[in-house]
């Protein structure tokens, strides 16, 4: 297990490299509402639209839902797009390498989540747990999740991404663009 975030020089390895990857898929809304995380242990799974629908349909105003995802090729298959169309889900794929600016969870939630999860793992290590099993992962993740994927952080993510309220300058001002003249 390696804890730490990109951009931080100090990373801690407390577990051998023969580990199993865990993927957590999270959905949030501009109101600060979150759906339960969808945890995937080992293996390839497309985004589970039934999970998304189950937890969002009742609060949807109107006929359509909007699902904003990163532009990863596994999320943009024709089959996935057809399934979204069938369920009245408008799919919006962000441009590559832009989620740190445009995706509310990346803007304001994932960094605190990584920090809190790292704290939980460090606590386990102090108690002589040096291998994070599925049984250890879930309580540690849940505690970190509850402290970081909060209504306040979610709303801050939508503000920071310039989505709600609509403010393109919130993103444009963060771009490092150099204009060159001939």
N, C-alpha and C. Protein backbone atom coordinates (compact mmCIF):
# COMPACT_ATOMS: atom_id res chain seq x y z
N UNK A 1 0.86 -1.17 0.00
CA UNK A 1 0.00 0.00 0.00
C UNK A 1 0.89 1.22 0.00
N UNK A 2 0.58 2.15 -0.87
CA UNK A 2 1.32 3.41 -0.91
C UNK A 2 0.33 4.51 -0.62
N UNK A 3 0.62 5.33 0.38
CA UNK A 3 -0.27 6.45 0.66
C UNK A 3 0.45 7.73 0.29
N UNK A 4 -0.30 8.71 -0.12
CA UNK A 4 0.26 9.98 -0.55
C UNK A 4 -0.47 10.46 -1.77
N UNK A 5 -0.28 11.70 -2.13
CA UNK A 5 -0.94 12.28 -3.29
C UNK A 5 0.10 12.74 -4.28
N UNK A 6 -0.32 12.86 -5.54
CA UNK A 6 0.57 13.44 -6.54
C UNK A 6 0.95 14.83 -6.07
N UNK A 7 2.17 15.19 -6.31
CA UNK A 7 2.61 16.51 -5.90
C UNK A 7 3.29 16.50 -4.54
N UNK A 8 3.03 15.48 -3.74
CA UNK A 8 3.71 15.36 -2.46
C UNK A 8 4.92 14.47 -2.65
N UNK A 9 6.06 14.93 -2.16
CA UNK A 9 7.31 14.18 -2.34
C UNK A 9 7.36 12.95 -1.45
N UNK A 10 6.78 13.03 -0.28
CA UNK A 10 6.91 11.97 0.69
C UNK A 10 5.76 10.98 0.56
N UNK A 11 6.07 9.77 0.18
CA UNK A 11 5.07 8.72 0.11
C UNK A 11 5.50 7.62 1.06
N UNK A 12 4.55 6.94 1.67
CA UNK A 12 4.87 5.89 2.62
C UNK A 12 4.45 4.55 2.03
N UNK A 13 5.34 3.56 2.07
CA UNK A 13 4.99 2.21 1.66
C UNK A 13 4.95 1.38 2.93
N UNK A 14 3.79 0.80 3.22
CA UNK A 14 3.69 0.00 4.43
C UNK A 14 3.27 -1.43 4.10
N UNK A 15 3.26 -1.77 2.85
CA UNK A 15 2.78 -3.09 2.45
C UNK A 15 3.53 -3.53 1.22
N UNK A 16 3.79 -4.82 1.09
CA UNK A 16 4.52 -5.29 -0.09
C UNK A 16 3.77 -4.98 -1.38
N UNK A 17 4.47 -5.08 -2.49
CA UNK A 17 3.90 -4.74 -3.79
C UNK A 17 2.86 -5.70 -4.32
N UNK A 18 2.68 -6.86 -3.71
CA UNK A 18 1.68 -7.81 -4.21
C UNK A 18 0.31 -7.47 -3.63
N UNK A 19 -0.25 -6.40 -4.10
CA UNK A 19 -1.50 -5.89 -3.56
C UNK A 19 -2.60 -5.95 -4.61
N UNK A 20 -3.80 -5.82 -4.15
CA UNK A 20 -4.96 -5.82 -5.03
C UNK A 20 -5.48 -4.39 -5.13
N UNK A 21 -5.78 -3.95 -6.34
CA UNK A 21 -6.29 -2.60 -6.54
C UNK A 21 -7.77 -2.55 -6.18
N UNK A 22 -8.18 -1.44 -5.63
CA UNK A 22 -9.58 -1.18 -5.32
C UNK A 22 -9.96 0.10 -6.05
N UNK A 23 -11.10 0.08 -6.71
CA UNK A 23 -11.61 1.27 -7.38
C UNK A 23 -12.86 1.72 -6.66
N UNK A 24 -12.95 3.01 -6.39
CA UNK A 24 -14.15 3.57 -5.77
C UNK A 24 -14.73 4.57 -6.75
N UNK A 25 -15.99 4.36 -7.11
CA UNK A 25 -16.69 5.26 -8.02
C UNK A 25 -17.67 6.07 -7.18
N UNK A 26 -17.61 7.39 -7.31
CA UNK A 26 -18.41 8.26 -6.47
C UNK A 26 -19.21 9.23 -7.32
N UNK A 27 -20.45 9.44 -6.95
CA UNK A 27 -21.31 10.42 -7.62
C UNK A 27 -21.78 11.46 -6.62
N UNK A 28 -21.81 12.72 -7.06
CA UNK A 28 -22.26 13.82 -6.21
C UNK A 28 -23.09 14.79 -7.04
N UNK A 29 -23.86 15.62 -6.36
CA UNK A 29 -24.66 16.65 -7.02
C UNK A 29 -24.32 18.02 -6.49
N UNK A 30 -24.67 19.05 -7.23
CA UNK A 30 -24.34 20.43 -6.87
C UNK A 30 -24.97 20.86 -5.55
N UNK A 31 -26.06 20.20 -5.14
CA UNK A 31 -26.70 20.53 -3.87
C UNK A 31 -25.87 20.07 -2.67
N UNK A 32 -24.84 19.27 -2.95
CA UNK A 32 -24.03 18.70 -1.87
C UNK A 32 -24.40 17.27 -1.57
N UNK A 33 -25.38 16.78 -2.30
CA UNK A 33 -25.83 15.39 -2.10
C UNK A 33 -24.81 14.43 -2.70
N UNK A 34 -24.66 13.30 -2.06
CA UNK A 34 -23.78 12.25 -2.57
C UNK A 34 -24.52 10.93 -2.59
N UNK A 35 -24.18 10.09 -3.53
CA UNK A 35 -24.73 8.74 -3.52
C UNK A 35 -23.72 7.84 -2.83
N UNK A 36 -24.13 6.68 -2.36
CA UNK A 36 -23.16 5.79 -1.72
C UNK A 36 -22.04 5.44 -2.70
N UNK A 37 -20.83 5.31 -2.20
CA UNK A 37 -19.73 4.95 -3.10
C UNK A 37 -19.93 3.54 -3.65
N UNK A 38 -19.46 3.31 -4.86
CA UNK A 38 -19.52 1.99 -5.49
C UNK A 38 -18.09 1.46 -5.46
N UNK A 39 -17.85 0.45 -4.62
CA UNK A 39 -16.50 -0.09 -4.41
C UNK A 39 -16.33 -1.34 -5.25
N UNK A 40 -15.26 -1.35 -6.05
CA UNK A 40 -14.96 -2.49 -6.92
C UNK A 40 -13.62 -3.07 -6.49
N UNK A 41 -13.63 -4.32 -6.06
CA UNK A 41 -12.40 -5.03 -5.72
C UNK A 41 -11.96 -5.84 -6.92
N UNK A 42 -10.76 -5.60 -7.42
CA UNK A 42 -10.13 -6.35 -8.51
C UNK A 42 -11.08 -6.65 -9.66
N UNK A 43 -10.63 -6.44 -10.84
CA UNK A 43 -11.43 -6.75 -12.01
C UNK A 43 -11.85 -5.49 -12.73
N UNK A 44 -12.35 -5.69 -13.93
CA UNK A 44 -12.79 -4.56 -14.74
C UNK A 44 -14.30 -4.49 -14.72
N UNK A 45 -14.81 -3.32 -14.41
CA UNK A 45 -16.25 -3.11 -14.39
C UNK A 45 -16.52 -1.75 -15.00
N UNK A 46 -17.47 -1.69 -15.90
CA UNK A 46 -17.89 -0.38 -16.40
C UNK A 46 -18.66 0.32 -15.30
N UNK A 47 -18.80 1.59 -15.42
CA UNK A 47 -19.59 2.33 -14.45
C UNK A 47 -20.96 1.67 -14.35
N UNK A 48 -21.41 1.42 -13.14
CA UNK A 48 -22.66 0.72 -12.92
C UNK A 48 -23.81 1.72 -12.94
N UNK A 49 -24.53 1.76 -14.06
CA UNK A 49 -25.62 2.72 -14.20
C UNK A 49 -26.79 2.40 -13.28
N UNK A 50 -26.97 1.13 -12.93
CA UNK A 50 -28.06 0.79 -12.01
C UNK A 50 -27.80 1.43 -10.64
N UNK A 51 -26.58 1.41 -10.19
CA UNK A 51 -26.22 2.05 -8.92
C UNK A 51 -26.51 3.55 -9.01
N UNK A 52 -26.07 4.17 -10.10
CA UNK A 52 -26.31 5.60 -10.33
C UNK A 52 -27.81 5.89 -10.35
N UNK A 53 -28.57 5.14 -11.13
CA UNK A 53 -30.01 5.35 -11.25
C UNK A 53 -30.74 5.15 -9.93
N UNK A 54 -30.41 4.08 -9.23
CA UNK A 54 -31.07 3.77 -7.96
C UNK A 54 -30.96 4.93 -6.98
N UNK A 55 -29.81 5.56 -6.96
CA UNK A 55 -29.56 6.59 -5.95
C UNK A 55 -29.79 8.02 -6.44
N UNK A 56 -30.17 8.20 -7.70
CA UNK A 56 -30.38 9.57 -8.20
C UNK A 56 -31.76 9.79 -8.81
N UNK A 57 -32.40 8.76 -9.28
CA UNK A 57 -33.66 8.91 -10.03
C UNK A 57 -34.73 9.63 -9.22
N UNK A 58 -34.85 9.29 -7.93
CA UNK A 58 -35.93 9.88 -7.12
C UNK A 58 -35.75 11.39 -6.91
N UNK A 59 -34.52 11.88 -7.01
CA UNK A 59 -34.30 13.32 -6.81
C UNK A 59 -34.12 14.07 -8.12
N UNK A 60 -34.33 13.39 -9.23
CA UNK A 60 -34.17 14.02 -10.54
C UNK A 60 -35.38 14.89 -10.85
N UNK A 61 -35.12 16.12 -11.26
CA UNK A 61 -36.18 17.01 -11.70
C UNK A 61 -36.22 16.94 -13.22
N UNK A 62 -37.35 16.56 -13.76
CA UNK A 62 -37.45 16.43 -15.21
C UNK A 62 -37.17 15.00 -15.66
N UNK A 63 -37.06 14.84 -16.95
CA UNK A 63 -36.96 13.52 -17.57
C UNK A 63 -35.52 13.02 -17.66
N UNK A 64 -34.56 13.93 -17.71
CA UNK A 64 -33.17 13.53 -17.97
C UNK A 64 -32.28 13.74 -16.75
N UNK A 65 -31.20 12.97 -16.72
CA UNK A 65 -30.15 13.13 -15.72
C UNK A 65 -28.87 13.45 -16.48
N UNK A 66 -27.96 14.16 -15.83
CA UNK A 66 -26.67 14.47 -16.43
C UNK A 66 -25.60 13.71 -15.67
N UNK A 67 -24.78 12.96 -16.40
CA UNK A 67 -23.66 12.23 -15.81
C UNK A 67 -22.38 12.77 -16.44
N UNK A 68 -21.56 13.42 -15.61
CA UNK A 68 -20.29 13.98 -16.08
C UNK A 68 -19.19 13.01 -15.67
N UNK A 69 -18.42 12.56 -16.65
CA UNK A 69 -17.35 11.60 -16.36
C UNK A 69 -16.06 12.06 -17.03
N UNK A 70 -14.95 11.46 -16.58
CA UNK A 70 -13.70 11.78 -17.25
C UNK A 70 -13.72 11.14 -18.62
N UNK A 71 -12.84 11.55 -19.48
CA UNK A 71 -12.85 11.09 -20.86
C UNK A 71 -12.14 9.78 -21.09
N UNK A 72 -11.93 8.98 -20.03
CA UNK A 72 -11.23 7.70 -20.21
C UNK A 72 -11.98 6.83 -21.21
N UNK A 73 -11.23 6.16 -22.08
CA UNK A 73 -11.84 5.39 -23.17
C UNK A 73 -12.81 4.33 -22.68
N UNK A 74 -12.58 3.76 -21.49
CA UNK A 74 -13.49 2.72 -20.99
C UNK A 74 -14.86 3.28 -20.63
N UNK A 75 -14.94 4.59 -20.41
CA UNK A 75 -16.21 5.22 -20.06
C UNK A 75 -16.96 5.73 -21.28
N UNK A 76 -16.33 5.71 -22.41
CA UNK A 76 -16.92 6.34 -23.60
C UNK A 76 -17.22 5.33 -24.70
N UNK A 77 -17.41 4.08 -24.35
CA UNK A 77 -17.70 3.07 -25.37
C UNK A 77 -19.09 3.30 -25.95
N UNK A 78 -19.31 2.81 -27.14
CA UNK A 78 -20.62 2.93 -27.79
C UNK A 78 -21.69 2.23 -26.96
N UNK A 79 -21.36 1.05 -26.41
CA UNK A 79 -22.33 0.31 -25.59
C UNK A 79 -22.75 1.14 -24.37
N UNK A 80 -21.78 1.78 -23.73
CA UNK A 80 -22.08 2.59 -22.55
C UNK A 80 -22.92 3.80 -22.94
N UNK A 81 -22.59 4.43 -24.06
CA UNK A 81 -23.36 5.58 -24.53
C UNK A 81 -24.79 5.17 -24.87
N UNK A 82 -24.95 4.02 -25.50
CA UNK A 82 -26.29 3.52 -25.83
C UNK A 82 -27.10 3.25 -24.57
N UNK A 83 -26.46 2.67 -23.56
CA UNK A 83 -27.15 2.39 -22.30
C UNK A 83 -27.59 3.69 -21.63
N UNK A 84 -26.74 4.70 -21.67
CA UNK A 84 -27.11 6.01 -21.10
C UNK A 84 -28.31 6.59 -21.84
N UNK A 85 -28.28 6.51 -23.15
CA UNK A 85 -29.37 7.04 -23.96
C UNK A 85 -30.69 6.34 -23.62
N UNK A 86 -30.62 5.02 -23.47
CA UNK A 86 -31.79 4.21 -23.13
C UNK A 86 -32.39 4.61 -21.78
N UNK A 87 -31.55 5.05 -20.85
CA UNK A 87 -32.00 5.40 -19.50
C UNK A 87 -32.19 6.91 -19.31
N UNK A 88 -32.19 7.67 -20.41
CA UNK A 88 -32.36 9.13 -20.37
C UNK A 88 -31.28 9.82 -19.54
N UNK A 89 -30.07 9.32 -19.69
CA UNK A 89 -28.92 9.92 -19.02
C UNK A 89 -28.08 10.62 -20.08
N UNK A 90 -27.91 11.92 -19.91
CA UNK A 90 -27.06 12.68 -20.82
C UNK A 90 -25.63 12.52 -20.33
N UNK A 91 -24.78 12.01 -21.19
CA UNK A 91 -23.40 11.73 -20.84
C UNK A 91 -22.50 12.86 -21.32
N UNK A 92 -21.74 13.43 -20.41
CA UNK A 92 -20.81 14.50 -20.76
C UNK A 92 -19.41 14.05 -20.37
N UNK A 93 -18.55 13.88 -21.37
CA UNK A 93 -17.17 13.46 -21.13
C UNK A 93 -16.27 14.69 -21.10
N UNK A 94 -15.49 14.82 -20.05
CA UNK A 94 -14.55 15.94 -19.94
C UNK A 94 -13.37 15.71 -20.87
N UNK A 95 -12.73 16.78 -21.30
CA UNK A 95 -11.52 16.64 -22.12
C UNK A 95 -10.43 15.93 -21.31
N UNK A 96 -9.52 15.24 -22.00
CA UNK A 96 -8.42 14.57 -21.29
C UNK A 96 -7.60 15.55 -20.45
N UNK A 97 -7.13 15.06 -19.32
CA UNK A 97 -6.23 15.81 -18.43
C UNK A 97 -6.84 17.12 -17.92
N UNK A 98 -8.15 17.13 -17.71
CA UNK A 98 -8.80 18.35 -17.23
C UNK A 98 -9.57 18.14 -15.94
N UNK A 99 -9.64 16.91 -15.43
CA UNK A 99 -10.49 16.66 -14.27
C UNK A 99 -10.04 17.44 -13.04
N UNK A 100 -8.75 17.74 -12.92
CA UNK A 100 -8.27 18.52 -11.77
C UNK A 100 -8.84 19.94 -11.76
N UNK A 101 -9.35 20.39 -12.91
CA UNK A 101 -9.95 21.72 -13.01
C UNK A 101 -11.47 21.66 -13.09
N UNK A 102 -12.02 20.63 -13.73
CA UNK A 102 -13.44 20.61 -14.08
C UNK A 102 -14.29 19.66 -13.24
N UNK A 103 -13.69 18.70 -12.58
CA UNK A 103 -14.44 17.68 -11.87
C UNK A 103 -14.53 18.06 -10.40
N UNK A 104 -15.73 18.34 -9.89
CA UNK A 104 -15.87 18.82 -8.51
C UNK A 104 -15.20 17.93 -7.45
N UNK A 105 -15.25 16.62 -7.63
CA UNK A 105 -14.61 15.74 -6.66
C UNK A 105 -13.10 15.92 -6.66
N UNK A 106 -12.51 16.08 -7.84
CA UNK A 106 -11.07 16.32 -7.92
C UNK A 106 -10.71 17.69 -7.36
N UNK A 107 -11.57 18.67 -7.57
CA UNK A 107 -11.29 20.04 -7.15
C UNK A 107 -11.27 20.18 -5.63
N UNK A 108 -12.19 19.51 -4.92
CA UNK A 108 -12.31 19.81 -3.49
C UNK A 108 -12.48 18.61 -2.56
N UNK A 109 -12.62 17.40 -3.08
CA UNK A 109 -12.92 16.27 -2.19
C UNK A 109 -11.83 15.20 -2.13
N UNK A 110 -11.23 14.88 -3.26
CA UNK A 110 -10.31 13.74 -3.28
C UNK A 110 -9.03 13.99 -2.49
N UNK A 111 -8.54 15.21 -2.47
CA UNK A 111 -7.33 15.49 -1.70
C UNK A 111 -7.57 15.27 -0.20
N UNK A 112 -8.67 15.82 0.38
CA UNK A 112 -8.95 15.52 1.79
C UNK A 112 -9.20 14.03 2.02
N UNK A 113 -9.83 13.36 1.05
CA UNK A 113 -10.09 11.92 1.19
C UNK A 113 -8.76 11.15 1.27
N UNK A 114 -7.83 11.47 0.39
CA UNK A 114 -6.52 10.79 0.40
C UNK A 114 -5.79 11.06 1.72
N UNK A 115 -5.86 12.29 2.20
CA UNK A 115 -5.20 12.64 3.46
C UNK A 115 -5.81 11.85 4.62
N UNK A 116 -7.14 11.85 4.70
CA UNK A 116 -7.82 11.16 5.80
C UNK A 116 -7.60 9.65 5.73
N UNK A 117 -7.61 9.09 4.51
CA UNK A 117 -7.35 7.66 4.37
C UNK A 117 -5.90 7.36 4.77
N UNK A 118 -4.97 8.20 4.38
CA UNK A 118 -3.57 8.04 4.79
C UNK A 118 -3.43 8.07 6.30
N UNK A 119 -4.18 8.96 6.96
CA UNK A 119 -4.16 9.02 8.43
C UNK A 119 -4.69 7.72 9.03
N UNK A 120 -5.77 7.19 8.44
CA UNK A 120 -6.34 5.93 8.94
C UNK A 120 -5.36 4.78 8.77
N UNK A 121 -4.69 4.72 7.64
CA UNK A 121 -3.70 3.67 7.38
C UNK A 121 -2.51 3.82 8.33
N UNK A 122 -2.08 5.04 8.58
CA UNK A 122 -0.99 5.27 9.54
C UNK A 122 -1.39 4.79 10.93
N UNK A 123 -2.65 5.03 11.29
CA UNK A 123 -3.16 4.55 12.58
C UNK A 123 -3.13 3.03 12.66
N UNK A 124 -3.50 2.38 11.57
CA UNK A 124 -3.43 0.91 11.53
C UNK A 124 -1.98 0.45 11.68
N UNK A 125 -1.06 1.13 11.01
CA UNK A 125 0.35 0.75 11.08
C UNK A 125 0.89 0.91 12.50
N UNK A 126 0.46 1.97 13.19
CA UNK A 126 0.90 2.17 14.58
C UNK A 126 0.39 1.04 15.48
N UNK A 127 -0.74 0.44 15.09
CA UNK A 127 -1.30 -0.68 15.85
C UNK A 127 -0.85 -2.03 15.29
N UNK A 128 0.24 -2.00 14.55
CA UNK A 128 0.88 -3.20 14.02
C UNK A 128 0.08 -3.93 12.95
N UNK A 129 -0.75 -3.21 12.22
CA UNK A 129 -1.41 -3.77 11.04
C UNK A 129 -0.61 -3.30 9.84
N UNK A 130 0.11 -4.22 9.22
CA UNK A 130 0.99 -3.84 8.11
C UNK A 130 0.50 -4.35 6.77
N UNK A 131 -0.67 -4.91 6.74
CA UNK A 131 -1.26 -5.39 5.50
C UNK A 131 -2.71 -4.92 5.49
N UNK A 132 -3.10 -4.19 4.47
CA UNK A 132 -4.47 -3.69 4.38
C UNK A 132 -5.30 -4.69 3.59
N UNK A 133 -6.08 -5.47 4.30
CA UNK A 133 -6.98 -6.44 3.67
C UNK A 133 -8.28 -5.74 3.32
N UNK A 134 -9.17 -6.45 2.64
CA UNK A 134 -10.49 -5.88 2.35
C UNK A 134 -11.19 -5.52 3.65
N UNK A 135 -11.01 -6.36 4.65
CA UNK A 135 -11.65 -6.11 5.95
C UNK A 135 -11.11 -4.85 6.62
N UNK A 136 -9.81 -4.57 6.43
CA UNK A 136 -9.22 -3.34 6.98
C UNK A 136 -9.56 -2.13 6.12
N UNK A 137 -9.60 -2.34 4.81
CA UNK A 137 -9.81 -1.23 3.89
C UNK A 137 -11.16 -0.56 4.11
N UNK A 138 -12.22 -1.36 4.18
CA UNK A 138 -13.56 -0.77 4.23
C UNK A 138 -13.79 0.15 5.42
N UNK A 139 -13.46 -0.24 6.67
CA UNK A 139 -13.65 0.71 7.77
C UNK A 139 -12.76 1.95 7.65
N UNK A 140 -11.51 1.76 7.21
CA UNK A 140 -10.61 2.90 7.05
C UNK A 140 -11.13 3.85 5.98
N UNK A 141 -11.59 3.29 4.86
CA UNK A 141 -12.13 4.12 3.79
C UNK A 141 -13.40 4.83 4.25
N UNK A 142 -14.29 4.10 4.93
CA UNK A 142 -15.56 4.69 5.37
C UNK A 142 -15.31 5.90 6.28
N UNK A 143 -14.39 5.76 7.22
CA UNK A 143 -14.08 6.88 8.12
C UNK A 143 -13.55 8.07 7.33
N UNK A 144 -12.64 7.82 6.41
CA UNK A 144 -12.07 8.90 5.59
C UNK A 144 -13.15 9.52 4.71
N UNK A 145 -14.00 8.70 4.13
CA UNK A 145 -15.09 9.15 3.26
C UNK A 145 -16.03 10.09 4.02
N UNK A 146 -16.46 9.67 5.20
CA UNK A 146 -17.41 10.47 5.98
C UNK A 146 -16.84 11.83 6.36
N UNK A 147 -15.52 11.90 6.56
CA UNK A 147 -14.89 13.16 6.96
C UNK A 147 -14.56 14.08 5.79
N UNK A 148 -14.54 13.53 4.58
CA UNK A 148 -14.07 14.35 3.45
C UNK A 148 -15.09 14.57 2.34
N UNK A 149 -15.95 13.63 2.09
CA UNK A 149 -16.96 13.81 1.03
C UNK A 149 -18.20 14.39 1.70
N UNK A 150 -18.07 15.62 2.15
CA UNK A 150 -19.12 16.31 2.91
C UNK A 150 -19.89 17.25 1.99
N UNK A 151 -21.05 17.66 2.45
CA UNK A 151 -21.86 18.61 1.69
C UNK A 151 -21.06 19.87 1.38
N UNK A 152 -20.33 20.37 2.37
CA UNK A 152 -19.56 21.60 2.20
C UNK A 152 -18.47 21.42 1.14
N UNK A 153 -17.73 20.31 1.21
CA UNK A 153 -16.66 20.07 0.24
C UNK A 153 -17.22 19.85 -1.17
N UNK A 154 -18.33 19.14 -1.26
CA UNK A 154 -18.95 18.90 -2.57
C UNK A 154 -19.36 20.23 -3.20
N UNK A 155 -20.05 21.07 -2.43
CA UNK A 155 -20.47 22.37 -2.95
C UNK A 155 -19.26 23.23 -3.32
N UNK A 156 -18.20 23.16 -2.52
CA UNK A 156 -16.97 23.91 -2.83
C UNK A 156 -16.37 23.40 -4.14
N UNK A 157 -16.48 22.11 -4.40
CA UNK A 157 -15.98 21.55 -5.65
C UNK A 157 -16.73 22.08 -6.85
N UNK A 158 -18.05 22.17 -6.75
CA UNK A 158 -18.84 22.72 -7.86
C UNK A 158 -18.53 24.20 -8.08
N UNK A 159 -18.31 24.95 -6.97
CA UNK A 159 -17.91 26.36 -7.10
C UNK A 159 -16.53 26.46 -7.73
N UNK A 160 -15.59 25.68 -7.23
CA UNK A 160 -14.22 25.74 -7.73
C UNK A 160 -14.09 25.34 -9.18
N UNK A 161 -14.99 24.46 -9.64
CA UNK A 161 -14.97 24.04 -11.05
C UNK A 161 -15.77 25.01 -11.92
N UNK A 162 -16.34 26.05 -11.30
CA UNK A 162 -17.10 27.05 -12.06
C UNK A 162 -18.42 26.55 -12.58
N UNK A 163 -18.94 25.46 -11.98
CA UNK A 163 -20.19 24.88 -12.47
C UNK A 163 -21.42 25.47 -11.81
N UNK A 164 -21.42 25.61 -10.47
CA UNK A 164 -22.55 26.16 -9.73
C UNK A 164 -22.01 27.01 -8.60
N UNK A 165 -22.21 28.32 -8.66
CA UNK A 165 -22.83 29.04 -9.76
C UNK A 165 -21.89 29.05 -10.98
N UNK A 166 -22.49 29.24 -12.14
CA UNK A 166 -21.73 29.21 -13.39
C UNK A 166 -20.72 30.35 -13.40
N UNK A 167 -19.44 29.99 -13.48
CA UNK A 167 -18.38 30.99 -13.45
C UNK A 167 -17.17 30.47 -14.22
N UNK A 168 -17.16 30.63 -15.54
CA UNK A 168 -16.03 30.12 -16.34
C UNK A 168 -14.68 30.64 -15.87
N UNK A 169 -14.64 31.85 -15.31
CA UNK A 169 -13.36 32.41 -14.85
C UNK A 169 -12.74 31.60 -13.72
N UNK A 170 -13.57 30.86 -12.98
CA UNK A 170 -13.04 30.02 -11.90
C UNK A 170 -12.05 29.00 -12.44
N UNK A 171 -12.26 28.55 -13.67
CA UNK A 171 -11.35 27.59 -14.31
C UNK A 171 -10.33 28.32 -15.17
N UNK A 172 -10.80 29.27 -15.96
CA UNK A 172 -9.89 29.97 -16.88
C UNK A 172 -8.75 30.66 -16.14
N UNK A 173 -9.03 31.18 -14.96
CA UNK A 173 -7.99 31.87 -14.20
C UNK A 173 -6.90 30.92 -13.70
N UNK A 174 -7.17 29.62 -13.69
CA UNK A 174 -6.19 28.63 -13.24
C UNK A 174 -5.32 28.09 -14.37
N UNK A 175 -5.69 28.41 -15.59
CA UNK A 175 -4.92 27.91 -16.73
C UNK A 175 -3.61 28.67 -16.85
N UNK A 176 -2.57 27.95 -17.14
CA UNK A 176 -1.26 28.56 -17.32
C UNK A 176 -1.01 28.64 -18.83
N UNK A 177 -1.52 29.70 -19.41
CA UNK A 177 -1.44 29.87 -20.87
C UNK A 177 -0.47 31.00 -21.18
N UNK A 178 0.44 30.72 -22.07
CA UNK A 178 1.39 31.74 -22.51
C UNK A 178 1.09 32.04 -23.98
N UNK A 179 0.78 33.27 -24.25
CA UNK A 179 0.49 33.68 -25.62
C UNK A 179 1.80 34.11 -26.27
N UNK A 180 2.06 33.54 -27.42
CA UNK A 180 3.28 33.90 -28.15
C UNK A 180 2.90 34.62 -29.42
N UNK A 181 3.63 35.65 -29.72
CA UNK A 181 3.41 36.36 -30.98
C UNK A 181 4.61 36.10 -31.88
N UNK A 182 4.37 36.10 -33.19
CA UNK A 182 5.48 35.81 -34.11
C UNK A 182 6.55 36.88 -34.12
